[in-house]
Amino acid sequence: FVATALIPIVLWRMGAKQAKRDSEQAKRDSELQARILANLTSVSQ
């Protein structure tokens, strides 16, 4: 009974943390891509 009650909570918390990590990683990837693009644009200019 306890396991049945706790598993969804644990899974939700794990999912939330993973989503946060994914969001932060995506943000870092986006910033990195923007910097790379800016550098490429600057080099091109």
PDB file of all heavy atoms in Angstrom:
ATOM      1  N   PHE A   1       0.826  -1.205   0.000  1.00  0.00           N
ATOM      2  CA  PHE A   1       0.000   0.000   0.000  1.00  0.00           C
ATOM      3  C   PHE A   1       0.865   1.262   0.000  1.00  0.00           C
ATOM      4  O   PHE A   1       0.637   2.207  -0.768  1.00  0.00           O
ATOM      5  CB  PHE A   1      -0.907  -0.019   1.235  1.00  0.00           C
ATOM      6  CG  PHE A   1      -1.703   1.236   1.384  1.00  0.00           C
ATOM      7  CD1 PHE A   1      -2.834   1.470   0.592  1.00  0.00           C
ATOM      8  CD2 PHE A   1      -1.319   2.219   2.289  1.00  0.00           C
ATOM      9  CE1 PHE A   1      -3.549   2.637   0.735  1.00  0.00           C
ATOM     10  CE2 PHE A   1      -2.047   3.381   2.427  1.00  0.00           C
ATOM     11  CZ  PHE A   1      -3.169   3.598   1.642  1.00  0.00           C
ATOM     12  N   VAL A   2       1.864   1.233   0.905  1.00  0.00           N
ATOM     13  CA  VAL A   2       2.757   2.401   0.996  1.00  0.00           C
ATOM     14  C   VAL A   2       3.514   2.602  -0.313  1.00  0.00           C
ATOM     15  O   VAL A   2       3.650   3.733  -0.831  1.00  0.00           O
ATOM     16  CB  VAL A   2       3.731   2.234   2.169  1.00  0.00           C
ATOM     17  CG1 VAL A   2       4.790   3.336   2.135  1.00  0.00           C
ATOM     18  CG2 VAL A   2       2.978   2.247   3.478  1.00  0.00           C
ATOM     19  N   ALA A   3       4.022   1.484  -0.864  1.00  0.00           N
ATOM     20  CA  ALA A   3       4.771   1.586  -2.125  1.00  0.00           C
ATOM     21  C   ALA A   3       3.893   2.133  -3.234  1.00  0.00           C
ATOM     22  O   ALA A   3       4.312   2.966  -4.031  1.00  0.00           O
ATOM     23  CB  ALA A   3       5.331   0.220  -2.500  1.00  0.00           C
ATOM     24  N   THR A   4       2.660   1.633  -3.238  1.00  0.00           N
ATOM     25  CA  THR A   4       1.733   2.089  -4.278  1.00  0.00           C
ATOM     26  C   THR A   4       1.484   3.593  -4.164  1.00  0.00           C
ATOM     27  O   THR A   4       1.357   4.303  -5.168  1.00  0.00           O
ATOM     28  CB  THR A   4       0.400   1.327  -4.170  1.00  0.00           C
ATOM     29  OG1 THR A   4       0.656  -0.078  -4.291  1.00  0.00           O
ATOM     30  CG2 THR A   4      -0.567   1.776  -5.259  1.00  0.00           C
ATOM     31  N   ALA A   5       1.448   4.065  -2.928  1.00  0.00           N
ATOM     32  CA  ALA A   5       1.203   5.497  -2.726  1.00  0.00           C
ATOM     33  C   ALA A   5       2.450   6.346  -3.026  1.00  0.00           C
ATOM     34  O   ALA A   5       2.345   7.461  -3.538  1.00  0.00           O
ATOM     35  CB  ALA A   5       0.746   5.734  -1.291  1.00  0.00           C
ATOM     36  N   LEU A   6       3.618   5.835  -2.685  1.00  0.00           N
ATOM     37  CA  LEU A   6       4.835   6.639  -2.819  1.00  0.00           C
ATOM     38  C   LEU A   6       5.422   6.645  -4.223  1.00  0.00           C
ATOM     39  O   LEU A   6       6.059   7.633  -4.646  1.00  0.00           O
ATOM     40  CB  LEU A   6       5.897   6.147  -1.837  1.00  0.00           C
ATOM     41  CG  LEU A   6       5.602   6.380  -0.350  1.00  0.00           C
ATOM     42  CD1 LEU A   6       6.707   5.768   0.505  1.00  0.00           C
ATOM     43  CD2 LEU A   6       5.489   7.872  -0.071  1.00  0.00           C
ATOM     44  N   ILE A   7       5.296   5.561  -4.946  1.00  0.00           N
ATOM     45  CA  ILE A   7       5.938   5.461  -6.273  1.00  0.00           C
ATOM     46  C   ILE A   7       5.549   6.617  -7.200  1.00  0.00           C
ATOM     47  O   ILE A   7       6.412   7.251  -7.816  1.00  0.00           O
ATOM     48  CB  ILE A   7       5.636   4.103  -6.916  1.00  0.00           C
ATOM     49  CG1 ILE A   7       6.476   3.025  -6.207  1.00  0.00           C
ATOM     50  CG2 ILE A   7       5.956   4.114  -8.421  1.00  0.00           C
ATOM     51  CD1 ILE A   7       6.162   1.609  -6.652  1.00  0.00           C
ATOM     52  N   PRO A   8       4.271   6.944  -7.331  1.00  0.00           N
ATOM     53  CA  PRO A   8       3.928   8.084  -8.220  1.00  0.00           C
ATOM     54  C   PRO A   8       4.560   9.399  -7.778  1.00  0.00           C
ATOM     55  O   PRO A   8       4.981  10.209  -8.611  1.00  0.00           O
ATOM     56  CB  PRO A   8       2.403   8.147  -8.112  1.00  0.00           C
ATOM     57  CG  PRO A   8       1.988   6.782  -7.708  1.00  0.00           C
ATOM     58  CD  PRO A   8       3.062   6.295  -6.795  1.00  0.00           C
ATOM     59  N   ILE A   9       4.621   9.553  -6.418  1.00  0.00           N
ATOM     60  CA  ILE A   9       5.231  10.801  -5.920  1.00  0.00           C
ATOM     61  C   ILE A   9       6.701  10.852  -6.269  1.00  0.00           C
ATOM     62  O   ILE A   9       7.231  11.875  -6.731  1.00  0.00           O
ATOM     63  CB  ILE A   9       5.023  10.909  -4.402  1.00  0.00           C
ATOM     64  CG1 ILE A   9       3.517  10.985  -4.082  1.00  0.00           C
ATOM     65  CG2 ILE A   9       5.756  12.121  -3.845  1.00  0.00           C
ATOM     66  CD1 ILE A   9       3.206  10.934  -2.600  1.00  0.00           C
ATOM     67  N   VAL A  10       7.396   9.721  -6.029  1.00  0.00           N
ATOM     68  CA  VAL A  10       8.830   9.659  -6.337  1.00  0.00           C
ATOM     69  C   VAL A  10       9.078   9.859  -7.823  1.00  0.00           C
ATOM     70  O   VAL A  10       9.973  10.595  -8.245  1.00  0.00           O
ATOM     71  CB  VAL A  10       9.413   8.322  -5.853  1.00  0.00           C
ATOM     72  CG1 VAL A  10      10.861   8.165  -6.344  1.00  0.00           C
ATOM     73  CG2 VAL A  10       9.368   8.226  -4.343  1.00  0.00           C
ATOM     74  N   LEU A  11       8.265   9.177  -8.622  1.00  0.00           N
ATOM     75  CA  LEU A  11       8.423   9.310 -10.072  1.00  0.00           C
ATOM     76  C   LEU A  11       8.163  10.744 -10.538  1.00  0.00           C
ATOM     77  O   LEU A  11       8.849  11.266 -11.420  1.00  0.00           O
ATOM     78  CB  LEU A  11       7.466   8.333 -10.789  1.00  0.00           C
ATOM     79  CG  LEU A  11       7.799   6.845 -10.644  1.00  0.00           C
ATOM     80  CD1 LEU A  11       6.729   5.983 -11.306  1.00  0.00           C
ATOM     81  CD2 LEU A  11       9.168   6.538 -11.265  1.00  0.00           C
ATOM     82  N   TRP A  12       7.192  11.387  -9.914  1.00  0.00           N
ATOM     83  CA  TRP A  12       6.873  12.763 -10.299  1.00  0.00           C
ATOM     84  C   TRP A  12       8.048  13.701  -9.979  1.00  0.00           C
ATOM     85  O   TRP A  12       8.429  14.542 -10.775  1.00  0.00           O
ATOM     86  CB  TRP A  12       5.618  13.217  -9.533  1.00  0.00           C
ATOM     87  CG  TRP A  12       5.321  14.685  -9.773  1.00  0.00           C
ATOM     88  CD1 TRP A  12       4.713  15.243 -10.830  1.00  0.00           C
ATOM     89  CD2 TRP A  12       5.679  15.749  -8.888  1.00  0.00           C
ATOM     90  NE1 TRP A  12       4.652  16.604 -10.705  1.00  0.00           N
ATOM     91  CE2 TRP A  12       5.243  16.948  -9.499  1.00  0.00           C
ATOM     92  CE3 TRP A  12       6.300  15.802  -7.631  1.00  0.00           C
ATOM     93  CZ2 TRP A  12       5.415  18.183  -8.899  1.00  0.00           C
ATOM     94  CZ3 TRP A  12       6.475  17.048  -7.056  1.00  0.00           C
ATOM     95  CH2 TRP A  12       6.026  18.222  -7.686  1.00  0.00           C
ATOM     96  N   ARG A  13       8.601  13.486  -8.728  1.00  0.00           N
ATOM     97  CA  ARG A  13       9.724  14.314  -8.342  1.00  0.00           C
ATOM     98  C   ARG A  13      10.934  14.072  -9.245  1.00  0.00           C
ATOM     99  O   ARG A  13      11.638  15.004  -9.632  1.00  0.00           O
ATOM    100  CB  ARG A  13      10.118  14.044  -6.889  1.00  0.00           C
ATOM    101  CG  ARG A  13       9.127  14.643  -5.894  1.00  0.00           C
ATOM    102  CD  ARG A  13       9.592  14.390  -4.459  1.00  0.00           C
ATOM    103  NE  ARG A  13      10.876  15.036  -4.225  1.00  0.00           N
ATOM    104  CZ  ARG A  13      11.050  16.278  -3.815  1.00  0.00           C
ATOM    105  NH1 ARG A  13       9.981  17.038  -3.575  1.00  0.00           N
ATOM    106  NH2 ARG A  13      12.259  16.780  -3.626  1.00  0.00           N
ATOM    107  N   MET A  14      11.187  12.816  -9.560  1.00  0.00           N
ATOM    108  CA  MET A  14      12.293  12.499 -10.455  1.00  0.00           C
ATOM    109  C   MET A  14      12.066  13.123 -11.836  1.00  0.00           C
ATOM    110  O   MET A  14      12.983  13.663 -12.457  1.00  0.00           O
ATOM    111  CB  MET A  14      12.448  10.987 -10.581  1.00  0.00           C
ATOM    112  CG  MET A  14      12.944  10.312  -9.303  1.00  0.00           C
ATOM    113  SD  MET A  14      13.002   8.509  -9.448  1.00  0.00           S
ATOM    114  CE  MET A  14      14.204   8.326 -10.748  1.00  0.00           C
ATOM    115  N   GLY A  15      10.835  13.059 -12.300  1.00  0.00           N
ATOM    116  CA  GLY A  15      10.510  13.638 -13.604  1.00  0.00           C
ATOM    117  C   GLY A  15      10.668  15.151 -13.607  1.00  0.00           C
ATOM    118  O   GLY A  15      11.148  15.743 -14.573  1.00  0.00           O
ATOM    119  N   ALA A  16      10.261  15.767 -12.480  1.00  0.00           N
ATOM    120  CA  ALA A  16      10.382  17.220 -12.388  1.00  0.00           C
ATOM    121  C   ALA A  16      11.852  17.638 -12.412  1.00  0.00           C
ATOM    122  O   ALA A  16      12.232  18.615 -13.070  1.00  0.00           O
ATOM    123  CB  ALA A  16       9.696  17.714 -11.121  1.00  0.00           C
ATOM    124  N   LYS A  17      12.679  16.885 -11.650  1.00  0.00           N
ATOM    125  CA  LYS A  17      14.109  17.201 -11.640  1.00  0.00           C
ATOM    126  C   LYS A  17      14.732  17.011 -13.020  1.00  0.00           C
ATOM    127  O   LYS A  17      15.556  17.811 -13.468  1.00  0.00           O
ATOM    128  CB  LYS A  17      14.826  16.329 -10.612  1.00  0.00           C
ATOM    129  CG  LYS A  17      14.507  16.696  -9.170  1.00  0.00           C
ATOM    130  CD  LYS A  17      15.268  15.806  -8.218  1.00  0.00           C
ATOM    131  CE  LYS A  17      14.976  16.190  -6.760  1.00  0.00           C
ATOM    132  NZ  LYS A  17      15.729  15.336  -5.818  1.00  0.00           N
ATOM    133  N   GLN A  18      14.321  15.926 -13.679  1.00  0.00           N
ATOM    134  CA  GLN A  18      14.869  15.671 -15.017  1.00  0.00           C
ATOM    135  C   GLN A  18      14.443  16.752 -16.008  1.00  0.00           C
ATOM    136  O   GLN A  18      15.218  17.208 -16.841  1.00  0.00           O
ATOM    137  CB  GLN A  18      14.404  14.294 -15.513  1.00  0.00           C
ATOM    138  CG  GLN A  18      15.011  13.879 -16.854  1.00  0.00           C
ATOM    139  CD  GLN A  18      16.523  13.774 -16.785  1.00  0.00           C
ATOM    140  OE1 GLN A  18      17.064  13.238 -15.794  1.00  0.00           O
ATOM    141  NE2 GLN A  18      17.216  14.282 -17.802  1.00  0.00           N
ATOM    142  N   ALA A  19      13.183  17.157 -15.871  1.00  0.00           N
ATOM    143  CA  ALA A  19      12.680  18.218 -16.750  1.00  0.00           C
ATOM    144  C   ALA A  19      13.447  19.521 -16.519  1.00  0.00           C
ATOM    145  O   ALA A  19      13.759  20.245 -17.462  1.00  0.00           O
ATOM    146  CB  ALA A  19      11.185  18.421 -16.512  1.00  0.00           C
ATOM    147  N   LYS A  20      13.728  19.785 -15.248  1.00  0.00           N
ATOM    148  CA  LYS A  20      14.493  20.991 -14.931  1.00  0.00           C
ATOM    149  C   LYS A  20      15.893  20.911 -15.525  1.00  0.00           C
ATOM    150  O   LYS A  20      16.405  21.878 -16.103  1.00  0.00           O
ATOM    151  CB  LYS A  20      14.559  21.168 -13.418  1.00  0.00           C
ATOM    152  CG  LYS A  20      15.268  22.458 -12.994  1.00  0.00           C
ATOM    153  CD  LYS A  20      15.261  22.598 -11.483  1.00  0.00           C
ATOM    154  CE  LYS A  20      15.970  23.898 -11.072  1.00  0.00           C
ATOM    155  NZ  LYS A  20      16.005  24.053  -9.607  1.00  0.00           N
ATOM    156  N   ARG A  21      16.506  19.700 -15.367  1.00  0.00           N
ATOM    157  CA  ARG A  21      17.842  19.530 -15.932  1.00  0.00           C
ATOM    158  C   ARG A  21      17.815  19.660 -17.458  1.00  0.00           C
ATOM    159  O   ARG A  21      18.682  20.280 -18.068  1.00  0.00           O
ATOM    160  CB  ARG A  21      18.417  18.167 -15.524  1.00  0.00           C
ATOM    161  CG  ARG A  21      18.873  18.095 -14.078  1.00  0.00           C
ATOM    162  CD  ARG A  21      19.732  16.867 -13.838  1.00  0.00           C
ATOM    163  NE  ARG A  21      18.975  15.646 -14.008  1.00  0.00           N
ATOM    164  CZ  ARG A  21      18.327  15.018 -13.031  1.00  0.00           C
ATOM    165  NH1 ARG A  21      18.349  15.515 -11.791  1.00  0.00           N
ATOM    166  NH2 ARG A  21      17.662  13.906 -13.264  1.00  0.00           N
ATOM    167  N   ASP A  22      16.774  19.075 -18.063  1.00  0.00           N
ATOM    168  CA  ASP A  22      16.649  19.154 -19.522  1.00  0.00           C
ATOM    169  C   ASP A  22      16.463  20.598 -19.974  1.00  0.00           C
ATOM    170  O   ASP A  22      17.016  21.029 -20.985  1.00  0.00           O
ATOM    171  CB  ASP A  22      15.471  18.311 -20.008  1.00  0.00           C
ATOM    172  CG  ASP A  22      15.724  16.810 -19.833  1.00  0.00           C
ATOM    173  OD1 ASP A  22      16.912  16.447 -19.632  1.00  0.00           O
ATOM    174  OD2 ASP A  22      14.756  16.031 -19.890  1.00  0.00           O
ATOM    175  N   SER A  23      15.660  21.359 -19.200  1.00  0.00           N
ATOM    176  CA  SER A  23      15.408  22.760 -19.540  1.00  0.00           C
ATOM    177  C   SER A  23      16.687  23.578 -19.442  1.00  0.00           C
ATOM    178  O   SER A  23      16.996  24.385 -20.315  1.00  0.00           O
ATOM    179  CB  SER A  23      14.339  23.344 -18.621  1.00  0.00           C
ATOM    180  OG  SER A  23      14.150  24.716 -18.867  1.00  0.00           O
ATOM    181  N   GLU A  24      17.444  23.329 -18.358  1.00  0.00           N
ATOM    182  CA  GLU A  24      18.703  24.050 -18.184  1.00  0.00           C
ATOM    183  C   GLU A  24      19.703  23.683 -19.268  1.00  0.00           C
ATOM    184  O   GLU A  24      20.426  24.543 -19.778  1.00  0.00           O
ATOM    185  CB  GLU A  24      19.276  23.766 -16.796  1.00  0.00           C
ATOM    186  CG  GLU A  24      18.443  24.367 -15.658  1.00  0.00           C
ATOM    187  CD  GLU A  24      18.945  23.939 -14.294  1.00  0.00           C
ATOM    188  OE1 GLU A  24      19.810  23.018 -14.255  1.00  0.00           O
ATOM    189  OE2 GLU A  24      18.504  24.509 -13.284  1.00  0.00           O
ATOM    190  N   GLN A  25      19.726  22.404 -19.616  1.00  0.00           N
ATOM    191  CA  GLN A  25      20.636  21.959 -20.665  1.00  0.00           C
ATOM    192  C   GLN A  25      20.257  22.570 -22.014  1.00  0.00           C
ATOM    193  O   GLN A  25      21.101  23.007 -22.796  1.00  0.00           O
ATOM    194  CB  GLN A  25      20.630  20.435 -20.762  1.00  0.00           C
ATOM    195  CG  GLN A  25      21.625  19.863 -21.783  1.00  0.00           C
ATOM    196  CD  GLN A  25      23.055  20.209 -21.427  1.00  0.00           C
ATOM    197  OE1 GLN A  25      23.455  20.116 -20.273  1.00  0.00           O
ATOM    198  NE2 GLN A  25      23.834  20.623 -22.424  1.00  0.00           N
ATOM    199  N   ALA A  26      18.936  22.604 -22.250  1.00  0.00           N
ATOM    200  CA  ALA A  26      18.453  23.191 -23.501  1.00  0.00           C
ATOM    201  C   ALA A  26      18.811  24.683 -23.575  1.00  0.00           C
ATOM    202  O   ALA A  26      19.180  25.189 -24.630  1.00  0.00           O
ATOM    203  CB  ALA A  26      16.940  23.001 -23.622  1.00  0.00           C
ATOM    204  N   LYS A  27      18.703  25.358 -22.425  1.00  0.00           N
ATOM    205  CA  LYS A  27      19.053  26.768 -22.376  1.00  0.00           C
ATOM    206  C   LYS A  27      20.535  26.961 -22.663  1.00  0.00           C
ATOM    207  O   LYS A  27      20.929  27.859 -23.422  1.00  0.00           O
ATOM    208  CB  LYS A  27      18.689  27.339 -21.012  1.00  0.00           C
ATOM    209  CG  LYS A  27      18.947  28.841 -20.888  1.00  0.00           C
ATOM    210  CD  LYS A  27      18.529  29.340 -19.517  1.00  0.00           C
ATOM    211  CE  LYS A  27      18.797  30.843 -19.391  1.00  0.00           C
ATOM    212  NZ  LYS A  27      18.423  31.346 -18.054  1.00  0.00           N
ATOM    213  N   ARG A  28      21.354  26.087 -22.028  1.00  0.00           N
ATOM    214  CA  ARG A  28      22.792  26.187 -22.268  1.00  0.00           C
ATOM    215  C   ARG A  28      23.119  25.888 -23.729  1.00  0.00           C
ATOM    216  O   ARG A  28      23.965  26.562 -24.337  1.00  0.00           O
ATOM    217  CB  ARG A  28      23.543  25.213 -21.339  1.00  0.00           C
ATOM    218  CG  ARG A  28      23.579  25.653 -19.885  1.00  0.00           C
ATOM    219  CD  ARG A  28      24.601  24.851 -19.092  1.00  0.00           C
ATOM    220  NE  ARG A  28      24.219  23.443 -18.996  1.00  0.00           N
ATOM    221  CZ  ARG A  28      23.470  22.938 -18.014  1.00  0.00           C
ATOM    222  NH1 ARG A  28      23.013  23.733 -17.047  1.00  0.00           N
ATOM    223  NH2 ARG A  28      23.170  21.649 -17.991  1.00  0.00           N
ATOM    224  N   ASP A  29      22.444  24.872 -24.276  1.00  0.00           N
ATOM    225  CA  ASP A  29      22.673  24.545 -25.690  1.00  0.00           C
ATOM    226  C   ASP A  29      22.276  25.701 -26.596  1.00  0.00           C
ATOM    227  O   ASP A  29      22.969  26.017 -27.575  1.00  0.00           O
ATOM    228  CB  ASP A  29      21.883  23.287 -26.076  1.00  0.00           C
ATOM    229  CG  ASP A  29      22.426  22.032 -25.402  1.00  0.00           C
ATOM    230  OD1 ASP A  29      23.570  22.087 -24.892  1.00  0.00           O
ATOM    231  OD2 ASP A  29      21.715  21.015 -25.373  1.00  0.00           O
ATOM    232  N   SER A  30      21.148  26.332 -26.243  1.00  0.00           N
ATOM    233  CA  SER A  30      20.664  27.458 -27.049  1.00  0.00           C
ATOM    234  C   SER A  30      21.639  28.631 -26.985  1.00  0.00           C
ATOM    235  O   SER A  30      21.945  29.268 -28.006  1.00  0.00           O
ATOM    236  CB  SER A  30      19.282  27.897 -26.555  1.00  0.00           C
ATOM    237  OG  SER A  30      18.822  29.012 -27.264  1.00  0.00           O
ATOM    238  N   GLU A  31      22.132  28.916 -25.759  1.00  0.00           N
ATOM    239  CA  GLU A  31      23.100  30.004 -25.613  1.00  0.00           C
ATOM    240  C   GLU A  31      24.388  29.693 -26.353  1.00  0.00           C
ATOM    241  O   GLU A  31      24.990  30.572 -26.974  1.00  0.00           O
ATOM    242  CB  GLU A  31      23.377  30.239 -24.124  1.00  0.00           C
ATOM    243  CG  GLU A  31      22.191  30.816 -23.357  1.00  0.00           C
ATOM    244  CD  GLU A  31      22.448  30.897 -21.866  1.00  0.00           C
ATOM    245  OE1 GLU A  31      23.474  30.298 -21.420  1.00  0.00           O
ATOM    246  OE2 GLU A  31      21.653  31.531 -21.150  1.00  0.00           O
ATOM    247  N   LEU A  32      24.814  28.435 -26.289  1.00  0.00           N
ATOM    248  CA  LEU A  32      26.024  28.028 -26.985  1.00  0.00           C
ATOM    249  C   LEU A  32      25.852  28.190 -28.497  1.00  0.00           C
ATOM    250  O   LEU A  32      26.742  28.698 -29.193  1.00  0.00           O
ATOM    251  CB  LEU A  32      26.373  26.583 -26.640  1.00  0.00           C
ATOM    252  CG  LEU A  32      27.621  26.005 -27.341  1.00  0.00           C
ATOM    253  CD1 LEU A  32      28.858  26.819 -26.982  1.00  0.00           C
ATOM    254  CD2 LEU A  32      27.803  24.533 -26.967  1.00  0.00           C
ATOM    255  N   GLN A  33      24.674  27.742 -28.981  1.00  0.00           N
ATOM    256  CA  GLN A  33      24.404  27.874 -30.402  1.00  0.00           C
ATOM    257  C   GLN A  33      24.356  29.337 -30.824  1.00  0.00           C
ATOM    258  O   GLN A  33      24.830  29.712 -31.903  1.00  0.00           O
ATOM    259  CB  GLN A  33      23.086  27.175 -30.755  1.00  0.00           C
ATOM    260  CG  GLN A  33      23.153  25.651 -30.650  1.00  0.00           C
ATOM    261  CD  GLN A  33      21.792  25.004 -30.879  1.00  0.00           C
ATOM    262  OE1 GLN A  33      20.796  25.696 -31.040  1.00  0.00           O
ATOM    263  NE2 GLN A  33      21.766  23.673 -30.886  1.00  0.00           N
ATOM    264  N   ALA A  34      23.787  30.190 -29.944  1.00  0.00           N
ATOM    265  CA  ALA A  34      23.713  31.625 -30.253  1.00  0.00           C
ATOM    266  C   ALA A  34      25.109  32.230 -30.323  1.00  0.00           C
ATOM    267  O   ALA A  34      25.401  33.056 -31.202  1.00  0.00           O
ATOM    268  CB  ALA A  34      22.878  32.340 -29.202  1.00  0.00           C
ATOM    269  N   ARG A  35      25.977  31.806 -29.354  1.00  0.00           N
ATOM    270  CA  ARG A  35      27.342  32.318 -29.374  1.00  0.00           C
ATOM    271  C   ARG A  35      28.087  31.854 -30.620  1.00  0.00           C
ATOM    272  O   ARG A  35      28.826  32.621 -31.248  1.00  0.00           O
ATOM    273  CB  ARG A  35      28.089  31.873 -28.114  1.00  0.00           C
ATOM    274  CG  ARG A  35      27.671  32.613 -26.847  1.00  0.00           C
ATOM    275  CD  ARG A  35      28.690  32.427 -25.747  1.00  0.00           C
ATOM    276  NE  ARG A  35      28.808  31.039 -25.343  1.00  0.00           N
ATOM    277  CZ  ARG A  35      28.082  30.464 -24.386  1.00  0.00           C
ATOM    278  NH1 ARG A  35      27.168  31.178 -23.736  1.00  0.00           N
ATOM    279  NH2 ARG A  35      28.248  29.194 -24.072  1.00  0.00           N
ATOM    280  N   ILE A  36      27.894  30.598 -30.955  1.00  0.00           N
ATOM    281  CA  ILE A  36      28.548  30.066 -32.155  1.00  0.00           C
ATOM    282  C   ILE A  36      28.074  30.804 -33.400  1.00  0.00           C
ATOM    283  O   ILE A  36      28.867  31.197 -34.265  1.00  0.00           O
ATOM    284  CB  ILE A  36      28.277  28.551 -32.295  1.00  0.00           C
ATOM    285  CG1 ILE A  36      28.985  27.788 -31.161  1.00  0.00           C
ATOM    286  CG2 ILE A  36      28.744  28.040 -33.653  1.00  0.00           C
ATOM    287  CD1 ILE A  36      28.633  26.311 -31.102  1.00  0.00           C
ATOM    288  N   LEU A  37      26.745  31.024 -33.469  1.00  0.00           N
ATOM    289  CA  LEU A  37      26.178  31.734 -34.610  1.00  0.00           C
ATOM    290  C   LEU A  37      26.691  33.175 -34.662  1.00  0.00           C
ATOM    291  O   LEU A  37      27.025  33.694 -35.741  1.00  0.00           O
ATOM    292  CB  LEU A  37      24.648  31.718 -34.521  1.00  0.00           C
ATOM    293  CG  LEU A  37      23.902  32.398 -35.677  1.00  0.00           C
ATOM    294  CD1 LEU A  37      24.239  31.709 -36.998  1.00  0.00           C
ATOM    295  CD2 LEU A  37      22.393  32.362 -35.433  1.00  0.00           C
ATOM    296  N   ALA A  38      26.758  33.820 -33.493  1.00  0.00           N
ATOM    297  CA  ALA A  38      27.257  35.197 -33.442  1.00  0.00           C
ATOM    298  C   ALA A  38      28.720  35.254 -33.888  1.00  0.00           C
ATOM    299  O   ALA A  38      29.122  36.160 -34.621  1.00  0.00           O
ATOM    300  CB  ALA A  38      27.117  35.756 -32.032  1.00  0.00           C
ATOM    301  N   ASN A  39      29.504  34.267 -33.428  1.00  0.00           N
ATOM    302  CA  ASN A  39      30.905  34.216 -33.834  1.00  0.00           C
ATOM    303  C   ASN A  39      31.041  34.005 -35.337  1.00  0.00           C
ATOM    304  O   ASN A  39      31.872  34.639 -35.996  1.00  0.00           O
ATOM    305  CB  ASN A  39      31.637  33.107 -33.081  1.00  0.00           C
ATOM    306  CG  ASN A  39      31.837  33.441 -31.606  1.00  0.00           C
ATOM    307  OD1 ASN A  39      31.848  34.607 -31.224  1.00  0.00           O
ATOM    308  ND2 ASN A  39      31.995  32.416 -30.778  1.00  0.00           N
ATOM    309  N   LEU A  40      30.198  33.090 -35.852  1.00  0.00           N
ATOM    310  CA  LEU A  40      30.224  32.840 -37.291  1.00  0.00           C
ATOM    311  C   LEU A  40      29.815  34.082 -38.068  1.00  0.00           C
ATOM    312  O   LEU A  40      30.415  34.422 -39.100  1.00  0.00           O
ATOM    313  CB  LEU A  40      29.296  31.670 -37.642  1.00  0.00           C
ATOM    314  CG  LEU A  40      29.753  30.277 -37.171  1.00  0.00           C
ATOM    315  CD1 LEU A  40      28.669  29.242 -37.450  1.00  0.00           C
ATOM    316  CD2 LEU A  40      31.050  29.880 -37.883  1.00  0.00           C
ATOM    317  N   THR A  41      28.782  34.767 -37.536  1.00  0.00           N
ATOM    318  CA  THR A  41      28.325  36.000 -38.190  1.00  0.00           C
ATOM    319  C   THR A  41      29.417  37.063 -38.153  1.00  0.00           C
ATOM    320  O   THR A  41      29.659  37.763 -39.145  1.00  0.00           O
ATOM    321  CB  THR A  41      27.060  36.538 -37.498  1.00  0.00           C
ATOM    322  OG1 THR A  41      26.033  35.543 -37.551  1.00  0.00           O
ATOM    323  CG2 THR A  41      26.569  37.812 -38.171  1.00  0.00           C
ATOM    324  N   SER A  42      30.067  37.170 -36.987  1.00  0.00           N
ATOM    325  CA  SER A  42      31.140  38.161 -36.843  1.00  0.00           C
ATOM    326  C   SER A  42      32.291  37.854 -37.792  1.00  0.00           C
ATOM    327  O   SER A  42      32.824  38.751 -38.451  1.00  0.00           O
ATOM    328  CB  SER A  42      31.643  38.183 -35.401  1.00  0.00           C
ATOM    329  OG  SER A  42      32.718  39.079 -35.254  1.00  0.00           O
ATOM    330  N   VAL A  43      32.658  36.569 -37.858  1.00  0.00           N
ATOM    331  CA  VAL A  43      33.736  36.158 -38.764  1.00  0.00           C
ATOM    332  C   VAL A  43      33.344  36.457 -40.209  1.00  0.00           C
ATOM    333  O   VAL A  43      34.141  36.964 -41.008  1.00  0.00           O
ATOM    334  CB  VAL A  43      34.053  34.659 -38.580  1.00  0.00           C
ATOM    335  CG1 VAL A  43      34.987  34.176 -39.682  1.00  0.00           C
ATOM    336  CG2 VAL A  43      34.682  34.414 -37.218  1.00  0.00           C
ATOM    337  N   SER A  44      32.079  36.158 -40.523  1.00  0.00           N
ATOM    338  CA  SER A  44      31.593  36.409 -41.880  1.00  0.00           C
ATOM    339  C   SER A  44      31.613  37.892 -42.201  1.00  0.00           C
ATOM    340  O   SER A  44      32.020  38.307 -43.304  1.00  0.00           O
ATOM    341  CB  SER A  44      30.167  35.861 -42.022  1.00  0.00           C
ATOM    342  OG  SER A  44      29.645  36.144 -43.295  1.00  0.00           O
ATOM    343  N   GLN A  45      31.200  38.731 -41.220  1.00  0.00           N
ATOM    344  CA  GLN A  45      31.206  40.173 -41.442  1.00  0.00           C
ATOM    345  C   GLN A  45      32.630  40.705 -41.609  1.00  0.00           C
ATOM    346  O   GLN A  45      32.887  41.571 -42.439  1.00  0.00           O
ATOM    347  CB  GLN A  45      30.510  40.887 -40.280  1.00  0.00           C
ATOM    348  CG  GLN A  45      28.998  40.738 -40.281  1.00  0.00           C
ATOM    349  CD  GLN A  45      28.355  41.453 -39.110  1.00  0.00           C
ATOM    350  OE1 GLN A  45      28.986  41.663 -38.068  1.00  0.00           O
ATOM    351  NE2 GLN A  45      27.091  41.813 -39.254  1.00  0.00           N
TER     352      GLN A  45
END
